[in-house]
Amino acid sequence: MVKIAKQHDRVKYFKCEVCLKNIAIEYYFTVGDSIVCNDCNTEYVLHSKNPLELVRQEPDYSKLEYDDSY
C-alpha cells in the first residue's frame, strides 16, 4: 500500500502584510530564502518554518545612486 502525502501538508500559507493575500510557502523553502508576494511584490525573508515566520525586507535606500544633474 502506498502512502500519499496530502497537498496541505506540503504547503503553508502566510498572509502578506501589505495586500493581505495568501503567500504559498512550499516545503522546499529553507530558512534565509527570499520570498516575494505575487500580488504586490513585497519581499520577505523566511525566518522560521515551525512556527512559520517571515520578516518583511525593507529596501535599503542608502545604496541607491542619485544623478547629480538635478
N, C-alpha and C. Protein backbone atom coordinates (compact mmCIF):
# COMPACT_ATOMS: atom_id res chain seq x y z
N MET A 1 0.85 -1.18 0.00
CA MET A 1 0.00 0.00 0.00
C MET A 1 0.90 1.24 0.00
N VAL A 2 0.57 2.20 -0.83
CA VAL A 2 1.35 3.41 -0.97
C VAL A 2 0.73 4.52 -0.15
N LYS A 3 1.57 5.20 0.61
CA LYS A 3 1.09 6.33 1.41
C LYS A 3 1.24 7.60 0.59
N ILE A 4 0.16 8.31 0.40
CA ILE A 4 0.16 9.54 -0.40
C ILE A 4 0.10 10.73 0.55
N ALA A 5 1.07 11.63 0.37
CA ALA A 5 1.10 12.84 1.20
C ALA A 5 -0.01 13.79 0.75
N LYS A 6 -0.70 14.34 1.71
CA LYS A 6 -1.75 15.28 1.38
C LYS A 6 -1.13 16.61 0.95
N GLN A 7 -1.78 17.29 0.04
CA GLN A 7 -1.25 18.54 -0.50
C GLN A 7 -1.09 19.61 0.57
N HIS A 8 -2.01 19.71 1.50
CA HIS A 8 -1.93 20.77 2.51
C HIS A 8 -0.80 20.54 3.51
N ASP A 9 -0.23 19.32 3.55
CA ASP A 9 0.90 19.06 4.42
C ASP A 9 2.19 19.67 3.88
N ARG A 10 2.26 19.88 2.59
CA ARG A 10 3.48 20.34 1.94
C ARG A 10 3.50 21.85 1.72
N VAL A 11 2.37 22.49 1.84
CA VAL A 11 2.29 23.93 1.58
C VAL A 11 1.69 24.62 2.81
N LYS A 12 2.35 25.67 3.25
CA LYS A 12 1.80 26.51 4.31
C LYS A 12 1.54 27.89 3.71
N TYR A 13 0.68 28.65 4.35
CA TYR A 13 0.33 29.96 3.82
C TYR A 13 0.64 31.04 4.83
N PHE A 14 1.11 32.17 4.31
CA PHE A 14 1.42 33.34 5.11
C PHE A 14 0.67 34.52 4.51
N LYS A 15 0.01 35.30 5.35
CA LYS A 15 -0.76 36.44 4.87
C LYS A 15 0.16 37.65 4.71
N CYS A 16 0.19 38.21 3.51
CA CYS A 16 1.02 39.38 3.21
C CYS A 16 0.56 40.56 4.06
N GLU A 17 1.51 41.27 4.63
CA GLU A 17 1.19 42.42 5.49
C GLU A 17 0.70 43.63 4.70
N VAL A 18 1.01 43.69 3.42
CA VAL A 18 0.67 44.85 2.61
C VAL A 18 -0.69 44.67 1.93
N CYS A 19 -0.85 43.58 1.17
CA CYS A 19 -2.08 43.40 0.39
C CYS A 19 -3.04 42.37 1.00
N LEU A 20 -2.62 41.69 2.07
CA LEU A 20 -3.44 40.73 2.82
C LEU A 20 -3.83 39.49 2.01
N LYS A 21 -3.09 39.19 0.94
CA LYS A 21 -3.30 37.96 0.17
C LYS A 21 -2.43 36.86 0.75
N ASN A 22 -2.79 35.61 0.51
CA ASN A 22 -2.02 34.48 1.00
C ASN A 22 -0.82 34.22 0.10
N ILE A 23 0.34 33.98 0.73
CA ILE A 23 1.56 33.62 0.02
C ILE A 23 1.81 32.15 0.33
N ALA A 24 1.95 31.34 -0.71
CA ALA A 24 2.20 29.91 -0.53
C ALA A 24 3.68 29.71 -0.19
N ILE A 25 3.94 29.03 0.93
CA ILE A 25 5.29 28.70 1.35
C ILE A 25 5.46 27.20 1.11
N GLU A 26 6.17 26.83 0.07
CA GLU A 26 6.35 25.43 -0.30
C GLU A 26 7.30 24.73 0.68
N TYR A 27 7.25 23.42 0.71
CA TYR A 27 8.04 22.62 1.64
C TYR A 27 9.54 22.75 1.39
N TYR A 28 9.96 23.06 0.17
CA TYR A 28 11.38 23.07 -0.18
C TYR A 28 12.07 24.40 0.14
N PHE A 29 11.33 25.41 0.59
CA PHE A 29 11.96 26.66 1.01
C PHE A 29 12.75 26.42 2.29
N THR A 30 13.90 27.07 2.40
CA THR A 30 14.73 26.93 3.60
C THR A 30 14.86 28.29 4.29
N VAL A 31 15.27 28.26 5.54
CA VAL A 31 15.45 29.49 6.32
C VAL A 31 16.49 30.36 5.62
N GLY A 32 16.14 31.63 5.43
CA GLY A 32 17.02 32.57 4.74
C GLY A 32 16.62 32.82 3.30
N ASP A 33 15.69 32.02 2.77
CA ASP A 33 15.24 32.23 1.39
C ASP A 33 14.41 33.50 1.28
N SER A 34 14.52 34.14 0.13
CA SER A 34 13.75 35.34 -0.16
C SER A 34 12.47 34.92 -0.88
N ILE A 35 11.33 35.40 -0.39
CA ILE A 35 10.02 35.06 -0.95
C ILE A 35 9.31 36.37 -1.30
N VAL A 36 8.75 36.44 -2.50
CA VAL A 36 8.10 37.66 -2.97
C VAL A 36 6.61 37.40 -3.14
N CYS A 37 5.79 38.33 -2.65
CA CYS A 37 4.34 38.25 -2.83
C CYS A 37 4.03 38.47 -4.31
N ASN A 38 3.24 37.57 -4.89
CA ASN A 38 2.91 37.67 -6.31
C ASN A 38 1.97 38.83 -6.63
N ASP A 39 1.23 39.30 -5.65
CA ASP A 39 0.25 40.35 -5.91
C ASP A 39 0.82 41.76 -5.80
N CYS A 40 1.64 42.02 -4.77
CA CYS A 40 2.13 43.39 -4.56
C CYS A 40 3.65 43.50 -4.62
N ASN A 41 4.35 42.39 -4.86
CA ASN A 41 5.82 42.36 -4.99
C ASN A 41 6.56 42.75 -3.71
N THR A 42 5.93 42.58 -2.55
CA THR A 42 6.62 42.82 -1.29
C THR A 42 7.55 41.63 -1.04
N GLU A 43 8.79 41.93 -0.63
CA GLU A 43 9.78 40.88 -0.43
C GLU A 43 9.88 40.51 1.04
N TYR A 44 9.89 39.21 1.31
CA TYR A 44 10.02 38.67 2.66
C TYR A 44 11.21 37.73 2.71
N VAL A 45 11.75 37.52 3.91
CA VAL A 45 12.80 36.53 4.15
C VAL A 45 12.23 35.51 5.13
N LEU A 46 12.38 34.23 4.80
CA LEU A 46 11.89 33.16 5.66
C LEU A 46 12.79 33.07 6.88
N HIS A 47 12.24 33.39 8.04
CA HIS A 47 12.99 33.42 9.29
C HIS A 47 12.87 32.11 10.06
N SER A 48 11.71 31.47 9.97
CA SER A 48 11.48 30.22 10.69
C SER A 48 10.37 29.44 9.97
N LYS A 49 10.51 28.11 9.94
CA LYS A 49 9.50 27.28 9.30
C LYS A 49 8.48 26.73 10.29
N ASN A 50 8.89 26.50 11.54
CA ASN A 50 7.96 25.98 12.53
C ASN A 50 8.20 26.69 13.86
N PRO A 51 7.43 27.66 14.23
CA PRO A 51 6.26 28.21 13.56
C PRO A 51 6.69 29.05 12.35
N LEU A 52 5.79 29.17 11.39
CA LEU A 52 6.06 29.90 10.16
C LEU A 52 6.23 31.38 10.48
N GLU A 53 7.40 31.93 10.13
CA GLU A 53 7.68 33.34 10.41
C GLU A 53 8.45 33.94 9.24
N LEU A 54 7.88 34.97 8.65
CA LEU A 54 8.53 35.70 7.58
C LEU A 54 8.76 37.13 8.04
N VAL A 55 9.89 37.71 7.64
CA VAL A 55 10.23 39.08 8.02
C VAL A 55 10.25 39.90 6.74
N ARG A 56 9.53 41.02 6.75
CA ARG A 56 9.49 41.87 5.56
C ARG A 56 10.83 42.53 5.34
N GLN A 57 11.31 42.46 4.11
CA GLN A 57 12.60 43.03 3.74
C GLN A 57 12.37 44.48 3.32
N GLU A 58 12.95 45.40 4.07
CA GLU A 58 12.82 46.82 3.74
C GLU A 58 13.88 47.20 2.71
N PRO A 59 13.52 48.01 1.73
CA PRO A 59 14.52 48.42 0.74
C PRO A 59 15.60 49.30 1.40
N ASP A 60 16.84 49.12 0.97
CA ASP A 60 17.96 49.90 1.51
C ASP A 60 18.19 51.10 0.58
N TYR A 61 17.65 52.25 0.99
CA TYR A 61 17.75 53.43 0.16
C TYR A 61 19.13 54.06 0.18
N SER A 62 19.98 53.67 1.12
CA SER A 62 21.32 54.25 1.20
C SER A 62 22.22 53.76 0.06
N LYS A 63 21.87 52.64 -0.56
CA LYS A 63 22.69 52.10 -1.64
C LYS A 63 22.26 52.62 -3.01
N LEU A 64 21.23 53.42 -3.08
CA LEU A 64 20.80 53.96 -4.37
C LEU A 64 21.77 55.04 -4.84
N GLU A 65 22.02 55.04 -6.13
CA GLU A 65 22.87 56.07 -6.69
C GLU A 65 21.98 57.16 -7.28
N TYR A 66 22.28 58.40 -6.91
CA TYR A 66 21.48 59.52 -7.38
C TYR A 66 22.22 60.23 -8.49
N ASP A 67 21.48 60.76 -9.42
CA ASP A 67 22.06 61.52 -10.52
C ASP A 67 22.28 62.94 -10.03
N ASP A 68 23.52 63.45 -10.14
CA ASP A 68 23.86 64.77 -9.65
C ASP A 68 23.46 65.89 -10.59
N SER A 69 22.82 65.57 -11.70
CA SER A 69 22.49 66.61 -12.69
C SER A 69 21.29 67.47 -12.27
N TYR A 70 20.58 67.09 -11.23
CA TYR A 70 19.40 67.87 -10.84
C TYR A 70 19.77 69.00 -9.95
